[in-house]
Amino acid sequence: MTPDLNQLLTDYAEAYRDAYGQSEQVADLIPYMLRSFLESDRGFSRGKAKS
């Protein structure tokens, strides 16, 4: 992982804590972030539906 990406993920975890009042480890947030990204990717969804 690049230092820039690591910092962005750390910043995201801090923003999550501020928004929800609950501290989570970056590693615990990543699966949910990836799922959200994949579900919102219309090109991926269309390609998957054709399979």
C-alpha atoms as a PDB file:
ATOM      1  CA  MET A   1       0.000   0.000   0.000  1.00  0.00           C
ATOM      2  CA  THR A   2       1.311   3.429  -0.843  1.00  0.00           C
ATOM      3  CA  PRO A   3       1.822   5.969   1.940  1.00  0.00           C
ATOM      4  CA  ASP A   4      -0.770   8.255   0.303  1.00  0.00           C
ATOM      5  CA  LEU A   5      -3.420   5.535   0.277  1.00  0.00           C
ATOM      6  CA  ASN A   6      -2.602   4.580   3.848  1.00  0.00           C
ATOM      7  CA  GLN A   7      -3.101   8.193   4.923  1.00  0.00           C
ATOM      8  CA  LEU A   8      -6.418   8.444   3.077  1.00  0.00           C
ATOM      9  CA  LEU A   9      -7.674   5.288   4.766  1.00  0.00           C
ATOM     10  CA  THR A  10      -6.556   6.560   8.164  1.00  0.00           C
ATOM     11  CA  ASP A  11      -8.337   9.849   7.480  1.00  0.00           C
ATOM     12  CA  TYR A  12     -11.455   7.932   6.479  1.00  0.00           C
ATOM     13  CA  ALA A  13     -11.397   5.928   9.717  1.00  0.00           C
ATOM     14  CA  GLU A  14     -11.116   9.179  11.672  1.00  0.00           C
ATOM     15  CA  ALA A  15     -14.027  10.711   9.742  1.00  0.00           C
ATOM     16  CA  TYR A  16     -16.038   7.549  10.419  1.00  0.00           C
ATOM     17  CA  ARG A  17     -15.303   7.883  14.141  1.00  0.00           C
ATOM     18  CA  ASP A  18     -16.365  11.537  14.102  1.00  0.00           C
ATOM     19  CA  ALA A  19     -19.571  10.780  12.185  1.00  0.00           C
ATOM     20  CA  TYR A  20     -20.679   7.671  14.068  1.00  0.00           C
ATOM     21  CA  GLY A  21     -18.965   8.012  17.446  1.00  0.00           C
ATOM     22  CA  GLN A  22     -17.396   4.596  17.048  1.00  0.00           C
ATOM     23  CA  SER A  23     -13.748   3.858  16.362  1.00  0.00           C
ATOM     24  CA  GLU A  24     -13.045   1.143  13.793  1.00  0.00           C
ATOM     25  CA  GLN A  25      -9.793  -0.251  12.464  1.00  0.00           C
ATOM     26  CA  VAL A  26      -9.084   0.465   8.807  1.00  0.00           C
ATOM     27  CA  ALA A  27      -8.870  -3.277   8.125  1.00  0.00           C
ATOM     28  CA  ASP A  28     -12.421  -3.700   9.462  1.00  0.00           C
ATOM     29  CA  LEU A  29     -13.783  -0.894   7.266  1.00  0.00           C
ATOM     30  CA  ILE A  30     -12.178  -1.996   3.998  1.00  0.00           C
ATOM     31  CA  PRO A  31     -14.557  -4.901   3.195  1.00  0.00           C
ATOM     32  CA  TYR A  32     -17.565  -2.580   3.534  1.00  0.00           C
ATOM     33  CA  MET A  33     -15.890   0.101   1.423  1.00  0.00           C
ATOM     34  CA  LEU A  34     -15.091  -2.421  -1.310  1.00  0.00           C
ATOM     35  CA  ARG A  35     -18.618  -3.841  -1.299  1.00  0.00           C
ATOM     36  CA  SER A  36     -20.092  -0.355  -1.593  1.00  0.00           C
ATOM     37  CA  PHE A  37     -17.742   0.488  -4.440  1.00  0.00           C
ATOM     38  CA  LEU A  38     -18.503  -2.712  -6.355  1.00  0.00           C
ATOM     39  CA  GLU A  39     -22.258  -2.348  -5.868  1.00  0.00           C
ATOM     40  CA  SER A  40     -22.135   1.227  -7.181  1.00  0.00           C
ATOM     41  CA  ASP A  41     -19.992   0.409 -10.249  1.00  0.00           C
ATOM     42  CA  ARG A  42     -22.593   0.240 -13.015  1.00  0.00           C
ATOM     43  CA  GLY A  43     -20.171  -1.086 -15.618  1.00  0.00           C
ATOM     44  CA  PHE A  44     -19.234  -3.959 -13.353  1.00  0.00           C
ATOM     45  CA  SER A  45     -22.881  -4.660 -12.533  1.00  0.00           C
ATOM     46  CA  ARG A  46     -23.841  -4.744 -16.218  1.00  0.00           C
ATOM     47  CA  GLY A  47     -20.960  -7.045 -17.081  1.00  0.00           C
ATOM     48  CA  LYS A  48     -21.791  -9.327 -14.183  1.00  0.00           C
ATOM     49  CA  ALA A  49     -25.463  -9.487 -15.208  1.00  0.00           C
ATOM     50  CA  LYS A  50     -24.477 -10.658 -18.720  1.00  0.00           C
ATOM     51  CA  SER A  51     -22.512 -13.599 -17.308  1.00  0.00           C
END
